[in-house]
Amino acid sequence: MADDAARFGRDVGDDGDRAGAELQEWQVAEIRKALAEAARREFAAEGAVDALFRKWELRSG
């Protein structure tokens, strides 16, 4: 997973373009931040996700 995250970060970072979709600098930064969090296995707790779904009247599972 970390290898995939690093490869994706390299793919998107240099020219800001991936598969024809232009990304803004802030978007690339957010993607890199999210990939770093995922590589550290920092995910939202299930309860937090459920609370968010309830807030927006969505159902999980």
Protein backbone atom coordinates (compact mmCIF):
# COMPACT_ATOMS: atom_id res chain seq x y z
CA MET A 1 0.00 0.00 0.00
CA ALA A 2 2.79 2.42 0.87
CA ASP A 3 4.45 1.69 -2.48
CA ASP A 4 1.18 2.41 -4.30
CA ALA A 5 0.74 5.63 -2.31
CA ALA A 6 4.27 6.79 -3.11
CA ARG A 7 3.87 5.94 -6.80
CA PHE A 8 0.54 7.79 -6.99
CA GLY A 9 2.04 10.79 -5.22
CA ARG A 10 4.86 10.89 -7.76
CA ASP A 11 2.44 10.46 -10.65
CA VAL A 12 0.25 13.34 -9.59
CA GLY A 13 2.78 15.65 -8.07
CA ASP A 14 5.12 16.68 -10.81
CA ASP A 15 2.87 18.07 -13.50
CA GLY A 16 -0.44 18.27 -11.64
CA ASP A 17 -2.12 16.14 -14.28
CA ARG A 18 -3.31 12.54 -14.06
CA ALA A 19 -5.41 10.80 -16.71
CA GLY A 20 -6.27 14.14 -18.31
CA ALA A 21 -7.70 15.69 -15.14
CA GLU A 22 -5.84 18.79 -14.05
CA LEU A 23 -5.37 19.08 -10.32
CA GLN A 24 -4.79 22.23 -8.36
CA GLU A 25 -1.79 22.45 -6.03
CA TRP A 26 -4.02 22.28 -2.94
CA GLN A 27 -5.67 19.12 -4.26
CA VAL A 28 -2.31 17.43 -4.75
CA ALA A 29 -1.33 18.45 -1.21
CA GLU A 30 -4.55 17.00 0.23
CA ILE A 31 -4.10 13.76 -1.72
CA ARG A 32 -0.54 13.40 -0.46
CA LYS A 33 -1.69 14.11 3.11
CA ALA A 34 -4.43 11.46 2.84
CA LEU A 35 -2.02 8.92 1.35
CA ALA A 36 0.45 9.52 4.18
CA GLU A 37 -2.34 9.01 6.75
CA ALA A 38 -3.39 5.79 5.02
CA ALA A 39 0.20 4.55 4.95
CA ARG A 40 0.28 5.09 8.74
CA ARG A 41 -3.08 3.23 8.91
CA GLU A 42 -4.79 6.31 10.38
CA PHE A 43 -8.42 5.74 9.50
CA ALA A 44 -11.61 7.10 11.03
CA ALA A 45 -13.10 4.96 13.77
CA GLU A 46 -16.28 3.13 12.79
CA GLY A 47 -18.28 5.09 15.36
CA ALA A 48 -17.12 8.40 13.90
CA VAL A 49 -18.13 7.30 10.41
CA ASP A 50 -21.54 6.13 11.64
CA ALA A 51 -22.06 9.45 13.44
CA LEU A 52 -21.28 11.32 10.24
CA PHE A 53 -23.71 9.15 8.29
CA ARG A 54 -26.41 9.77 10.91
CA LYS A 55 -25.73 13.49 10.76
CA TRP A 56 -26.34 13.52 7.02
CA GLU A 57 -29.14 10.92 7.27
CA LEU A 58 -27.23 8.22 5.43
CA ARG A 59 -27.11 4.56 6.36
CA SER A 60 -23.91 2.53 6.66
CA GLY A 61 -23.68 -1.19 6.00
